[in-house]
């Protein structure tokens, strides 16, 4: 069933970490003259934070988690669960959640699992952690969500490299019988998996000498089969049709008033797409914040990063209502309704 109600769980805090290193669209070699300006105008992206060699998503998630644990005053022994949601995993084996558990010094009794999802990952991650906590057998959890897309994309691919940036986030979640329920609408369609895919990135199509060859598919699009590829028009049509429908279904199923929501927090695909969704759902501009201009599309990390970078002063420790919606690879898409009371939202960490 696509609809879930999860009671007794609240988000206690959010922290986000991004690389210090910034790359602007104007300096990219994949663009022909004049193309950078067109992309900036269409997507809203002016720059992104790009991780250096040797730094990956789990590093930024670990930094965010350490800072958040300290800020909340949580004893590490009290953390029962760690879920890592990302397609940027350190290894195929072992799972990255366990690696992070070791780095953080969490107890050996801590439940650890990877959820390898991209742009819909924050909403799906909330459903996974919420389901684990809701009965009260586990009391505290860390949801670590983010990606370093620049590690799995070609720098010479003008369709993907300029729009993506890197980040890692941490959300602290807790069992609490006074919490308002979280409401979910979760969807997927694997028949359209080819829309966003890195063909030679797993065991189905192993990496070979042939798959590592860089191929020019068209001017400004050079990549190999280990890199992510996207059917841009297919993803666009999917998004503007499926996403508004998903959010409307969420509200209709749970008898939620869309007009009572303070914020619609969308995955930062690009500003043109998100504006289409906003207008379809008739939200005001100030209700739909964007961080894409500064950070680009950070895949599963965009929703918490938007909260920390754009509306922190309005929501830190204050009650608010929001709908969150993520959509992308899978294809998968999901929306969540949340009534928050007093989430601790930290300023974005540059590391």
C-alpha atoms as a PDB file:
ATOM      1  CA  UNK A   1       0.000   0.000   0.000  1.00  0.00           C
ATOM      2  CA  UNK A   2       1.363   3.419  -0.940  1.00  0.00           C
ATOM      3  CA  UNK A   3      -0.140   5.268   2.028  1.00  0.00           C
ATOM      4  CA  UNK A   4       1.434   5.034   5.492  1.00  0.00           C
ATOM      5  CA  UNK A   5       0.633   6.596   8.843  1.00  0.00           C
ATOM      6  CA  UNK A   6       3.497   6.554  11.352  1.00  0.00           C
ATOM      7  CA  UNK A   7       2.692   7.758  14.886  1.00  0.00           C
ATOM      8  CA  UNK A   8       4.939   8.305  17.925  1.00  0.00           C
ATOM      9  CA  UNK A   9       7.965   9.584  15.975  1.00  0.00           C
ATOM     10  CA  UNK A  10       9.415  13.071  15.698  1.00  0.00           C
ATOM     11  CA  UNK A  11      12.457  14.699  14.145  1.00  0.00           C
ATOM     12  CA  UNK A  12      14.548  16.264  16.917  1.00  0.00           C
ATOM     13  CA  UNK A  13      17.273  17.876  14.848  1.00  0.00           C
ATOM     14  CA  UNK A  14      18.763  18.389  11.388  1.00  0.00           C
ATOM     15  CA  UNK A  15      22.357  19.122  10.364  1.00  0.00           C
ATOM     16  CA  UNK A  16      23.873  19.406   6.888  1.00  0.00           C
ATOM     17  CA  UNK A  17      27.483  19.413   5.724  1.00  0.00           C
ATOM     18  CA  UNK A  18      28.807  20.442   2.313  1.00  0.00           C
ATOM     19  CA  UNK A  19      32.299  20.692   0.811  1.00  0.00           C
ATOM     20  CA  UNK A  20      34.150  23.979   1.198  1.00  0.00           C
ATOM     21  CA  UNK A  21      35.129  23.824  -2.457  1.00  0.00           C
ATOM     22  CA  UNK A  22      32.820  25.739  -4.828  1.00  0.00           C
ATOM     23  CA  UNK A  23      32.591  25.343  -8.602  1.00  0.00           C
ATOM     24  CA  UNK A  24      30.623  27.825 -10.708  1.00  0.00           C
ATOM     25  CA  UNK A  25      28.948  27.068 -14.014  1.00  0.00           C
ATOM     26  CA  UNK A  26      31.019  29.728 -15.735  1.00  0.00           C
ATOM     27  CA  UNK A  27      34.238  27.745 -15.290  1.00  0.00           C
ATOM     28  CA  UNK A  28      33.034  24.440 -16.777  1.00  0.00           C
ATOM     29  CA  UNK A  29      34.713  23.099 -19.917  1.00  0.00           C
ATOM     30  CA  UNK A  30      31.721  21.030 -21.050  1.00  0.00           C
ATOM     31  CA  UNK A  31      29.827  24.131 -22.213  1.00  0.00           C
ATOM     32  CA  UNK A  32      30.057  25.786 -25.597  1.00  0.00           C
ATOM     33  CA  UNK A  33      30.144  29.614 -25.533  1.00  0.00           C
ATOM     34  CA  UNK A  34      26.888  31.013 -24.160  1.00  0.00           C
ATOM     35  CA  UNK A  35      25.544  27.689 -22.870  1.00  0.00           C
ATOM     36  CA  UNK A  36      26.351  28.332 -19.222  1.00  0.00           C
ATOM     37  CA  UNK A  37      24.084  31.392 -19.137  1.00  0.00           C
ATOM     38  CA  UNK A  38      21.204  29.436 -20.647  1.00  0.00           C
ATOM     39  CA  UNK A  39      21.569  26.655 -18.075  1.00  0.00           C
ATOM     40  CA  UNK A  40      21.713  29.154 -15.207  1.00  0.00           C
ATOM     41  CA  UNK A  41      18.561  30.850 -16.449  1.00  0.00           C
ATOM     42  CA  UNK A  42      16.667  27.557 -16.895  1.00  0.00           C
ATOM     43  CA  UNK A  43      17.755  25.707 -13.750  1.00  0.00           C
ATOM     44  CA  UNK A  44      18.463  28.551 -11.328  1.00  0.00           C
ATOM     45  CA  UNK A  45      21.876  27.011 -10.587  1.00  0.00           C
ATOM     46  CA  UNK A  46      24.845  29.344 -10.370  1.00  0.00           C
ATOM     47  CA  UNK A  47      27.313  27.215  -8.416  1.00  0.00           C
ATOM     48  CA  UNK A  48      27.675  23.943  -6.529  1.00  0.00           C
ATOM     49  CA  UNK A  49      29.818  22.603  -3.688  1.00  0.00           C
ATOM     50  CA  UNK A  50      32.053  19.849  -5.070  1.00  0.00           C
ATOM     51  CA  UNK A  51      33.932  17.384  -2.870  1.00  0.00           C
ATOM     52  CA  UNK A  52      37.693  17.003  -3.366  1.00  0.00           C
ATOM     53  CA  UNK A  53      39.474  13.714  -3.992  1.00  0.00           C
ATOM     54  CA  UNK A  54      39.305  11.453  -0.964  1.00  0.00           C
ATOM     55  CA  UNK A  55      36.094  12.940   0.451  1.00  0.00           C
ATOM     56  CA  UNK A  56      32.773  11.160  -0.084  1.00  0.00           C
ATOM     57  CA  UNK A  57      29.168  11.405   1.101  1.00  0.00           C
ATOM     58  CA  UNK A  58      29.660   9.303   4.224  1.00  0.00           C
ATOM     59  CA  UNK A  59      32.342  11.754   5.406  1.00  0.00           C
ATOM     60  CA  UNK A  60      29.923  14.686   5.219  1.00  0.00           C
ATOM     61  CA  UNK A  61      27.142  12.666   6.860  1.00  0.00           C
ATOM     62  CA  UNK A  62      29.534  11.737   9.687  1.00  0.00           C
ATOM     63  CA  UNK A  63      30.500  15.383  10.240  1.00  0.00           C
ATOM     64  CA  UNK A  64      26.827  16.408  10.286  1.00  0.00           C
ATOM     65  CA  UNK A  65      25.947  13.568  12.682  1.00  0.00           C
ATOM     66  CA  UNK A  66      28.775  14.371  15.107  1.00  0.00           C
ATOM     67  CA  UNK A  67      27.756  18.026  15.274  1.00  0.00           C
ATOM     68  CA  UNK A  68      24.078  17.162  15.691  1.00  0.00           C
ATOM     69  CA  UNK A  69      24.681  14.598  18.451  1.00  0.00           C
ATOM     70  CA  UNK A  70      26.766  17.186  20.326  1.00  0.00           C
ATOM     71  CA  UNK A  71      24.160  19.926  19.850  1.00  0.00           C
ATOM     72  CA  UNK A  72      21.304  17.733  21.096  1.00  0.00           C
ATOM     73  CA  UNK A  73      23.344  16.417  24.012  1.00  0.00           C
ATOM     74  CA  UNK A  74      22.623  12.803  23.080  1.00  0.00           C
ATOM     75  CA  UNK A  75      24.725  10.072  24.633  1.00  0.00           C
ATOM     76  CA  UNK A  76      26.014   7.894  21.812  1.00  0.00           C
ATOM     77  CA  UNK A  77      25.069   4.784  23.803  1.00  0.00           C
ATOM     78  CA  UNK A  78      21.428   5.886  23.538  1.00  0.00           C
ATOM     79  CA  UNK A  79      21.338   5.666  19.726  1.00  0.00           C
ATOM     80  CA  UNK A  80      19.615   2.460  18.660  1.00  0.00           C
ATOM     81  CA  UNK A  81      19.550   2.809  14.897  1.00  0.00           C
ATOM     82  CA  UNK A  82      21.487   4.316  11.974  1.00  0.00           C
ATOM     83  CA  UNK A  83      20.051   4.315   8.441  1.00  0.00           C
ATOM     84  CA  UNK A  84      22.194   5.583   5.545  1.00  0.00           C
ATOM     85  CA  UNK A  85      20.214   6.626   2.458  1.00  0.00           C
ATOM     86  CA  UNK A  86      22.415   7.249  -0.568  1.00  0.00           C
ATOM     87  CA  UNK A  87      23.589   5.857  -3.885  1.00  0.00           C
ATOM     88  CA  UNK A  88      27.052   7.120  -2.904  1.00  0.00           C
ATOM     89  CA  UNK A  89      28.111   4.116  -0.859  1.00  0.00           C
ATOM     90  CA  UNK A  90      31.705   3.600   0.231  1.00  0.00           C
ATOM     91  CA  UNK A  91      31.685  -0.021  -0.924  1.00  0.00           C
ATOM     92  CA  UNK A  92      29.343  -2.635  -2.354  1.00  0.00           C
ATOM     93  CA  UNK A  93      30.360  -4.615   0.721  1.00  0.00           C
ATOM     94  CA  UNK A  94      30.309  -3.837   3.665  1.00  0.00           C
ATOM     95  CA  UNK A  95      27.328  -1.524   3.988  1.00  0.00           C
ATOM     96  CA  UNK A  96      28.199   2.106   4.629  1.00  0.00           C
ATOM     97  CA  UNK A  97      25.865   2.503   7.613  1.00  0.00           C
ATOM     98  CA  UNK A  98      27.992   0.037   9.553  1.00  0.00           C
ATOM     99  CA  UNK A  99      31.181   1.861   8.534  1.00  0.00           C
ATOM    100  CA  UNK A 100      29.724   5.137   9.846  1.00  0.00           C
ATOM    101  CA  UNK A 101      28.565   3.448  13.065  1.00  0.00           C
ATOM    102  CA  UNK A 102      32.191   2.491  13.682  1.00  0.00           C
ATOM    103  CA  UNK A 103      33.477   5.989  12.924  1.00  0.00           C
ATOM    104  CA  UNK A 104      30.935   7.598  15.230  1.00  0.00           C
ATOM    105  CA  UNK A 105      31.646   5.137  18.036  1.00  0.00           C
ATOM    106  CA  UNK A 106      28.025   4.076  18.365  1.00  0.00           C
ATOM    107  CA  UNK A 107      27.238   0.932  20.385  1.00  0.00           C
ATOM    108  CA  UNK A 108      27.517  -2.509  18.808  1.00  0.00           C
ATOM    109  CA  UNK A 109      23.809  -2.945  19.523  1.00  0.00           C
ATOM    110  CA  UNK A 110      23.042  -0.165  17.000  1.00  0.00           C
ATOM    111  CA  UNK A 111      20.929  -1.388  14.060  1.00  0.00           C
ATOM    112  CA  UNK A 112      22.583  -0.320  10.773  1.00  0.00           C
ATOM    113  CA  UNK A 113      21.317  -0.544   7.212  1.00  0.00           C
ATOM    114  CA  UNK A 114      21.828   1.102   3.812  1.00  0.00           C
ATOM    115  CA  UNK A 115      18.936   2.278   1.650  1.00  0.00           C
ATOM    116  CA  UNK A 116      20.389   2.886  -1.830  1.00  0.00           C
ATOM    117  CA  UNK A 117      17.964   5.528  -3.094  1.00  0.00           C
ATOM    118  CA  UNK A 118      18.625   8.865  -4.749  1.00  0.00           C
ATOM    119  CA  UNK A 119      16.299  11.850  -5.111  1.00  0.00           C
ATOM    120  CA  UNK A 120      13.293  10.377  -3.301  1.00  0.00           C
ATOM    121  CA  UNK A 121      15.573   9.082  -0.547  1.00  0.00           C
ATOM    122  CA  UNK A 122      14.798  11.531   2.247  1.00  0.00           C
ATOM    123  CA  UNK A 123      11.070  10.788   2.175  1.00  0.00           C
ATOM    124  CA  UNK A 124      11.666   7.039   1.911  1.00  0.00           C
ATOM    125  CA  UNK A 125      14.265   7.254   4.683  1.00  0.00           C
ATOM    126  CA  UNK A 126      11.792   8.941   7.001  1.00  0.00           C
ATOM    127  CA  UNK A 127       9.367   6.078   6.379  1.00  0.00           C
ATOM    128  CA  UNK A 128      12.027   3.450   7.134  1.00  0.00           C
ATOM    129  CA  UNK A 129      13.282   5.037  10.353  1.00  0.00           C
ATOM    130  CA  UNK A 130       9.769   5.996  11.411  1.00  0.00           C
ATOM    131  CA  UNK A 131       8.610   2.399  10.994  1.00  0.00           C
ATOM    132  CA  UNK A 132      11.515   1.148  13.115  1.00  0.00           C
ATOM    133  CA  UNK A 133      10.834   3.625  15.928  1.00  0.00           C
ATOM    134  CA  UNK A 134       7.035   3.731  16.020  1.00  0.00           C
ATOM    135  CA  UNK A 135       6.526   0.784  18.410  1.00  0.00           C
ATOM    136  CA  UNK A 136       9.043   2.089  20.930  1.00  0.00           C
ATOM    137  CA  UNK A 137      11.409  -0.878  20.906  1.00  0.00           C
ATOM    138  CA  UNK A 138      14.011   1.530  19.526  1.00  0.00           C
ATOM    139  CA  UNK A 139      14.039   5.028  21.025  1.00  0.00           C
ATOM    140  CA  UNK A 140      16.604   7.072  19.078  1.00  0.00           C
ATOM    141  CA  UNK A 141      17.866   6.961  15.506  1.00  0.00           C
ATOM    142  CA  UNK A 142      20.064   8.765  13.024  1.00  0.00           C
ATOM    143  CA  UNK A 143      18.848   9.138   9.455  1.00  0.00           C
ATOM    144  CA  UNK A 144      21.874  10.011   7.316  1.00  0.00           C
ATOM    145  CA  UNK A 145      20.946  11.136   3.823  1.00  0.00           C
ATOM    146  CA  UNK A 146      22.953  12.659   0.989  1.00  0.00           C
ATOM    147  CA  UNK A 147      25.027  12.035  -2.085  1.00  0.00           C
ATOM    148  CA  UNK A 148      28.237  12.979  -3.800  1.00  0.00           C
ATOM    149  CA  UNK A 149      26.944  12.839  -7.392  1.00  0.00           C
ATOM    150  CA  UNK A 150      30.173  14.309  -8.708  1.00  0.00           C
ATOM    151  CA  UNK A 151      31.870  10.971  -7.934  1.00  0.00           C
ATOM    152  CA  UNK A 152      29.585   9.071 -10.321  1.00  0.00           C
ATOM    153  CA  UNK A 153      29.080  11.563 -13.142  1.00  0.00           C
ATOM    154  CA  UNK A 154      31.261  12.674 -16.014  1.00  0.00           C
ATOM    155  CA  UNK A 155      32.770  16.149 -15.749  1.00  0.00           C
ATOM    156  CA  UNK A 156      32.435  16.315 -19.541  1.00  0.00           C
ATOM    157  CA  UNK A 157      28.670  15.704 -19.579  1.00  0.00           C
ATOM    158  CA  UNK A 158      26.888  19.061 -19.842  1.00  0.00           C
ATOM    159  CA  UNK A 159      23.493  17.444 -19.202  1.00  0.00           C
ATOM    160  CA  UNK A 160      24.338  16.322 -15.651  1.00  0.00           C
ATOM    161  CA  UNK A 161      27.656  17.610 -14.290  1.00  0.00           C
ATOM    162  CA  UNK A 162      26.681  21.332 -14.116  1.00  0.00           C
ATOM    163  CA  UNK A 163      23.490  20.741 -12.152  1.00  0.00           C
ATOM    164  CA  UNK A 164      24.714  18.457  -9.367  1.00  0.00           C
ATOM    165  CA  UNK A 165      26.508  19.193  -6.096  1.00  0.00           C
ATOM    166  CA  UNK A 166      27.619  17.211  -3.046  1.00  0.00           C
ATOM    167  CA  UNK A 167      26.349  17.095   0.530  1.00  0.00           C
ATOM    168  CA  UNK A 168      25.654  14.877   3.535  1.00  0.00           C
ATOM    169  CA  UNK A 169      22.889  15.383   6.107  1.00  0.00           C
ATOM    170  CA  UNK A 170      21.860  13.986   9.476  1.00  0.00           C
ATOM    171  CA  UNK A 171      18.370  13.911  10.972  1.00  0.00           C
ATOM    172  CA  UNK A 172      17.963  12.847  14.599  1.00  0.00           C
ATOM    173  CA  UNK A 173      14.684  11.019  15.188  1.00  0.00           C
ATOM    174  CA  UNK A 174      13.109   9.872  18.423  1.00  0.00           C
ATOM    175  CA  UNK A 175      10.229   7.802  19.758  1.00  0.00           C
ATOM    176  CA  UNK A 176       7.707  10.164  21.356  1.00  0.00           C
ATOM    177  CA  UNK A 177       4.081   9.303  22.114  1.00  0.00           C
ATOM    178  CA  UNK A 178       3.130  13.010  21.952  1.00  0.00           C
ATOM    179  CA  UNK A 179       4.322  13.387  18.349  1.00  0.00           C
ATOM    180  CA  UNK A 180       1.826  14.184  15.589  1.00  0.00           C
ATOM    181  CA  UNK A 181       1.645  11.360  12.998  1.00  0.00           C
ATOM    182  CA  UNK A 182       3.706  11.418   9.837  1.00  0.00           C
ATOM    183  CA  UNK A 183       1.655  10.735   6.696  1.00  0.00           C
ATOM    184  CA  UNK A 184       3.230   9.223   3.564  1.00  0.00           C
ATOM    185  CA  UNK A 185       2.412   8.538  -0.074  1.00  0.00           C
ATOM    186  CA  UNK A 186       5.164   6.343  -1.573  1.00  0.00           C
ATOM    187  CA  UNK A 187       5.379   5.272  -5.227  1.00  0.00           C
ATOM    188  CA  UNK A 188       7.792   3.568  -7.617  1.00  0.00           C
ATOM    189  CA  UNK A 189       7.916   2.358 -11.227  1.00  0.00           C
ATOM    190  CA  UNK A 190      10.881   0.135 -12.062  1.00  0.00           C
ATOM    191  CA  UNK A 191       9.669  -0.312 -15.639  1.00  0.00           C
ATOM    192  CA  UNK A 192      11.166   3.145 -16.237  1.00  0.00           C
ATOM    193  CA  UNK A 193      14.530   2.409 -14.637  1.00  0.00           C
ATOM    194  CA  UNK A 194      16.398   3.444 -17.799  1.00  0.00           C
ATOM    195  CA  UNK A 195      15.369   7.076 -17.307  1.00  0.00           C
ATOM    196  CA  UNK A 196      18.178   7.610 -14.759  1.00  0.00           C
ATOM    197  CA  UNK A 197      20.808   4.896 -14.645  1.00  0.00           C
ATOM    198  CA  UNK A 198      24.515   4.138 -14.376  1.00  0.00           C
ATOM    199  CA  UNK A 199      24.610   0.936 -16.482  1.00  0.00           C
ATOM    200  CA  UNK A 200      27.961  -0.512 -15.352  1.00  0.00           C
ATOM    201  CA  UNK A 201      27.727   0.219 -11.648  1.00  0.00           C
ATOM    202  CA  UNK A 202      26.787  -3.096 -10.088  1.00  0.00           C
ATOM    203  CA  UNK A 203      26.833  -6.844 -10.695  1.00  0.00           C
ATOM    204  CA  UNK A 204      24.293  -6.931 -13.545  1.00  0.00           C
ATOM    205  CA  UNK A 205      26.777  -5.328 -15.933  1.00  0.00           C
ATOM    206  CA  UNK A 206      30.274  -5.593 -14.430  1.00  0.00           C
ATOM    207  CA  UNK A 207      32.924  -2.970 -15.111  1.00  0.00           C
ATOM    208  CA  UNK A 208      35.174  -3.922 -18.012  1.00  0.00           C
ATOM    209  CA  UNK A 209      37.808  -2.195 -20.099  1.00  0.00           C
ATOM    210  CA  UNK A 210      35.099  -1.502 -22.659  1.00  0.00           C
ATOM    211  CA  UNK A 211      32.704   0.057 -20.160  1.00  0.00           C
ATOM    212  CA  UNK A 212      35.434   2.479 -19.015  1.00  0.00           C
ATOM    213  CA  UNK A 213      35.940   3.949 -22.482  1.00  0.00           C
ATOM    214  CA  UNK A 214      34.840   7.568 -22.725  1.00  0.00           C
ATOM    215  CA  UNK A 215      32.415   8.058 -25.613  1.00  0.00           C
ATOM    216  CA  UNK A 216      31.220  11.332 -27.145  1.00  0.00           C
ATOM    217  CA  UNK A 217      27.477  10.831 -27.581  1.00  0.00           C
ATOM    218  CA  UNK A 218      26.911  14.376 -28.816  1.00  0.00           C
ATOM    219  CA  UNK A 219      28.782  17.686 -28.508  1.00  0.00           C
ATOM    220  CA  UNK A 220      29.320  18.376 -24.806  1.00  0.00           C
ATOM    221  CA  UNK A 221      28.186  14.921 -23.693  1.00  0.00           C
ATOM    222  CA  UNK A 222      31.141  12.614 -23.049  1.00  0.00           C
ATOM    223  CA  UNK A 223      30.867   9.778 -20.546  1.00  0.00           C
ATOM    224  CA  UNK A 224      31.451   6.062 -20.018  1.00  0.00           C
ATOM    225  CA  UNK A 225      29.044   3.354 -18.900  1.00  0.00           C
ATOM    226  CA  UNK A 226      29.954   3.681 -15.221  1.00  0.00           C
ATOM    227  CA  UNK A 227      28.649   7.266 -15.230  1.00  0.00           C
ATOM    228  CA  UNK A 228      25.038   8.213 -14.566  1.00  0.00           C
ATOM    229  CA  UNK A 229      22.957   8.971 -17.662  1.00  0.00           C
ATOM    230  CA  UNK A 230      19.536  10.609 -17.755  1.00  0.00           C
ATOM    231  CA  UNK A 231      16.683  10.879 -20.230  1.00  0.00           C
ATOM    232  CA  UNK A 232      16.006  14.542 -19.519  1.00  0.00           C
ATOM    233  CA  UNK A 233      12.707  14.901 -21.362  1.00  0.00           C
ATOM    234  CA  UNK A 234      11.388  11.611 -19.965  1.00  0.00           C
ATOM    235  CA  UNK A 235      12.195  12.670 -16.411  1.00  0.00           C
ATOM    236  CA  UNK A 236      10.666  16.100 -17.005  1.00  0.00           C
ATOM    237  CA  UNK A 237       7.350  14.697 -18.232  1.00  0.00           C
ATOM    238  CA  UNK A 238       7.268  12.148 -15.400  1.00  0.00           C
ATOM    239  CA  UNK A 239       7.904  14.814 -12.784  1.00  0.00           C
ATOM    240  CA  UNK A 240       5.351  17.426 -13.796  1.00  0.00           C
ATOM    241  CA  UNK A 241       2.613  14.792 -14.108  1.00  0.00           C
ATOM    242  CA  UNK A 242       3.345  12.361 -11.249  1.00  0.00           C
ATOM    243  CA  UNK A 243       4.565  14.683  -8.498  1.00  0.00           C
ATOM    244  CA  UNK A 244       1.574  17.063  -8.206  1.00  0.00           C
ATOM    245  CA  UNK A 245      -0.747  14.052  -8.404  1.00  0.00           C
ATOM    246  CA  UNK A 246       1.146  12.313  -5.583  1.00  0.00           C
ATOM    247  CA  UNK A 247       0.877  15.362  -3.309  1.00  0.00           C
ATOM    248  CA  UNK A 248      -2.823  15.831  -4.058  1.00  0.00           C
ATOM    249  CA  UNK A 249      -3.455  12.145  -3.325  1.00  0.00           C
ATOM    250  CA  UNK A 250      -1.599  12.481  -0.005  1.00  0.00           C
ATOM    251  CA  UNK A 251      -3.824  15.352   1.063  1.00  0.00           C
ATOM    252  CA  UNK A 252      -7.037  13.733  -0.158  1.00  0.00           C
ATOM    253  CA  UNK A 253      -6.330  10.370   1.469  1.00  0.00           C
ATOM    254  CA  UNK A 254      -5.508  11.831   4.874  1.00  0.00           C
ATOM    255  CA  UNK A 255      -8.012  14.725   4.719  1.00  0.00           C
ATOM    256  CA  UNK A 256      -5.236  17.308   4.888  1.00  0.00           C
ATOM    257  CA  UNK A 257      -5.810  20.940   3.977  1.00  0.00           C
ATOM    258  CA  UNK A 258      -3.089  21.998   1.563  1.00  0.00           C
ATOM    259  CA  UNK A 259      -3.849  25.632   2.382  1.00  0.00           C
ATOM    260  CA  UNK A 260      -2.850  25.049   6.030  1.00  0.00           C
ATOM    261  CA  UNK A 261       0.710  24.049   5.086  1.00  0.00           C
ATOM    262  CA  UNK A 262       3.502  26.522   5.797  1.00  0.00           C
ATOM    263  CA  UNK A 263       6.034  25.058   3.358  1.00  0.00           C
ATOM    264  CA  UNK A 264       6.184  22.780   0.350  1.00  0.00           C
ATOM    265  CA  UNK A 265       9.724  21.367   0.436  1.00  0.00           C
ATOM    266  CA  UNK A 266      10.519  19.930  -2.984  1.00  0.00           C
ATOM    267  CA  UNK A 267      13.503  17.954  -4.141  1.00  0.00           C
ATOM    268  CA  UNK A 268      15.704  20.506  -5.883  1.00  0.00           C
ATOM    269  CA  UNK A 269      15.631  18.990  -9.388  1.00  0.00           C
ATOM    270  CA  UNK A 270      15.842  22.333 -11.107  1.00  0.00           C
ATOM    271  CA  UNK A 271      14.003  25.582 -10.604  1.00  0.00           C
ATOM    272  CA  UNK A 272      12.025  25.355 -13.853  1.00  0.00           C
ATOM    273  CA  UNK A 273      10.583  21.937 -12.935  1.00  0.00           C
ATOM    274  CA  UNK A 274       9.881  22.894  -9.325  1.00  0.00           C
ATOM    275  CA  UNK A 275       8.149  26.097 -10.374  1.00  0.00           C
ATOM    276  CA  UNK A 276       5.870  24.049 -12.634  1.00  0.00           C
ATOM    277  CA  UNK A 277       4.939  21.899  -9.623  1.00  0.00           C
ATOM    278  CA  UNK A 278       4.455  24.924  -7.356  1.00  0.00           C
ATOM    279  CA  UNK A 279       2.106  26.612  -9.802  1.00  0.00           C
ATOM    280  CA  UNK A 280       0.108  23.430 -10.403  1.00  0.00           C
ATOM    281  CA  UNK A 281      -0.459  23.103  -6.662  1.00  0.00           C
ATOM    282  CA  UNK A 282      -1.096  26.854  -6.235  1.00  0.00           C
ATOM    283  CA  UNK A 283       1.489  27.494  -3.541  1.00  0.00           C
ATOM    284  CA  UNK A 284       2.856  30.998  -3.046  1.00  0.00           C
ATOM    285  CA  UNK A 285       6.511  31.612  -3.915  1.00  0.00           C
ATOM    286  CA  UNK A 286       7.511  32.231  -0.307  1.00  0.00           C
ATOM    287  CA  UNK A 287       6.143  28.809   0.656  1.00  0.00           C
ATOM    288  CA  UNK A 288       8.467  26.937  -1.712  1.00  0.00           C
ATOM    289  CA  UNK A 289      12.102  27.749  -0.834  1.00  0.00           C
ATOM    290  CA  UNK A 290      15.023  26.913  -3.129  1.00  0.00           C
ATOM    291  CA  UNK A 291      18.646  26.166  -2.308  1.00  0.00           C
ATOM    292  CA  UNK A 292      19.490  25.012  -5.826  1.00  0.00           C
ATOM    293  CA  UNK A 293      21.040  28.331  -6.852  1.00  0.00           C
ATOM    294  CA  UNK A 294      23.878  27.837  -4.341  1.00  0.00           C
ATOM    295  CA  UNK A 295      24.155  24.043  -3.956  1.00  0.00           C
ATOM    296  CA  UNK A 296      22.708  22.551  -7.154  1.00  0.00           C
ATOM    297  CA  UNK A 297      20.883  19.226  -7.136  1.00  0.00           C
ATOM    298  CA  UNK A 298      22.345  17.270  -4.219  1.00  0.00           C
ATOM    299  CA  UNK A 299      20.143  14.237  -4.891  1.00  0.00           C
ATOM    300  CA  UNK A 300      18.654  12.753  -1.695  1.00  0.00           C
ATOM    301  CA  UNK A 301      20.055  15.581   0.435  1.00  0.00           C
ATOM    302  CA  UNK A 302      18.134  18.480  -1.088  1.00  0.00           C
ATOM    303  CA  UNK A 303      15.162  18.623   1.305  1.00  0.00           C
ATOM    304  CA  UNK A 304      17.058  18.864   4.615  1.00  0.00           C
ATOM    305  CA  UNK A 305      19.635  21.129   2.932  1.00  0.00           C
ATOM    306  CA  UNK A 306      16.838  23.473   1.854  1.00  0.00           C
ATOM    307  CA  UNK A 307      15.538  23.558   5.424  1.00  0.00           C
ATOM    308  CA  UNK A 308      18.958  24.334   6.889  1.00  0.00           C
ATOM    309  CA  UNK A 309      20.073  26.863   4.308  1.00  0.00           C
ATOM    310  CA  UNK A 310      16.874  28.713   3.391  1.00  0.00           C
ATOM    311  CA  UNK A 311      14.288  28.669   6.196  1.00  0.00           C
ATOM    312  CA  UNK A 312      16.322  27.845   9.295  1.00  0.00           C
ATOM    313  CA  UNK A 313      15.474  31.091  11.097  1.00  0.00           C
ATOM    314  CA  UNK A 314      11.759  30.467  10.557  1.00  0.00           C
ATOM    315  CA  UNK A 315      11.673  26.843  11.729  1.00  0.00           C
ATOM    316  CA  UNK A 316      14.493  26.337  14.242  1.00  0.00           C
ATOM    317  CA  UNK A 317      12.752  25.427  17.492  1.00  0.00           C
ATOM    318  CA  UNK A 318       9.384  26.642  16.169  1.00  0.00           C
ATOM    319  CA  UNK A 319       6.203  24.791  15.158  1.00  0.00           C
ATOM    320  CA  UNK A 320       5.452  24.483  11.448  1.00  0.00           C
ATOM    321  CA  UNK A 321       3.601  22.286   8.971  1.00  0.00           C
ATOM    322  CA  UNK A 322       5.156  21.070   5.756  1.00  0.00           C
ATOM    323  CA  UNK A 323       4.815  18.704   2.842  1.00  0.00           C
ATOM    324  CA  UNK A 324       8.086  17.197   1.640  1.00  0.00           C
ATOM    325  CA  UNK A 325       8.348  15.563  -1.769  1.00  0.00           C
ATOM    326  CA  UNK A 326      11.246  13.743  -3.427  1.00  0.00           C
ATOM    327  CA  UNK A 327      11.333  12.257  -6.928  1.00  0.00           C
ATOM    328  CA  UNK A 328      13.864  10.722  -9.292  1.00  0.00           C
ATOM    329  CA  UNK A 329      15.807   7.555 -10.016  1.00  0.00           C
ATOM    330  CA  UNK A 330      13.958   4.273  -9.854  1.00  0.00           C
ATOM    331  CA  UNK A 331      11.752   5.806 -10.954  1.00  0.00           C
ATOM    332  CA  UNK A 332      10.509   6.568  -7.451  1.00  0.00           C
ATOM    333  CA  UNK A 333       8.615   9.419  -5.875  1.00  0.00           C
ATOM    334  CA  UNK A 334       7.191  10.101  -2.432  1.00  0.00           C
ATOM    335  CA  UNK A 335       5.580  12.791  -0.318  1.00  0.00           C
ATOM    336  CA  UNK A 336       5.359  13.271   3.460  1.00  0.00           C
ATOM    337  CA  UNK A 337       3.171  15.517   5.610  1.00  0.00           C
ATOM    338  CA  UNK A 338       4.712  16.591   8.906  1.00  0.00           C
ATOM    339  CA  UNK A 339       3.607  18.803  11.788  1.00  0.00           C
ATOM    340  CA  UNK A 340       6.810  19.731  13.582  1.00  0.00           C
ATOM    341  CA  UNK A 341       7.051  21.188  17.064  1.00  0.00           C
ATOM    342  CA  UNK A 342      10.623  22.152  17.912  1.00  0.00           C
ATOM    343  CA  UNK A 343      13.218  20.792  15.508  1.00  0.00           C
ATOM    344  CA  UNK A 344      16.783  21.945  16.163  1.00  0.00           C
ATOM    345  CA  UNK A 345      18.115  23.050  12.772  1.00  0.00           C
ATOM    346  CA  UNK A 346      21.837  23.766  12.615  1.00  0.00           C
ATOM    347  CA  UNK A 347      23.492  26.215  10.205  1.00  0.00           C
ATOM    348  CA  UNK A 348      25.017  24.515   7.141  1.00  0.00           C
ATOM    349  CA  UNK A 349      28.499  23.200   7.904  1.00  0.00           C
ATOM    350  CA  UNK A 350      31.229  23.727   5.296  1.00  0.00           C
ATOM    351  CA  UNK A 351      33.885  21.069   5.731  1.00  0.00           C
END
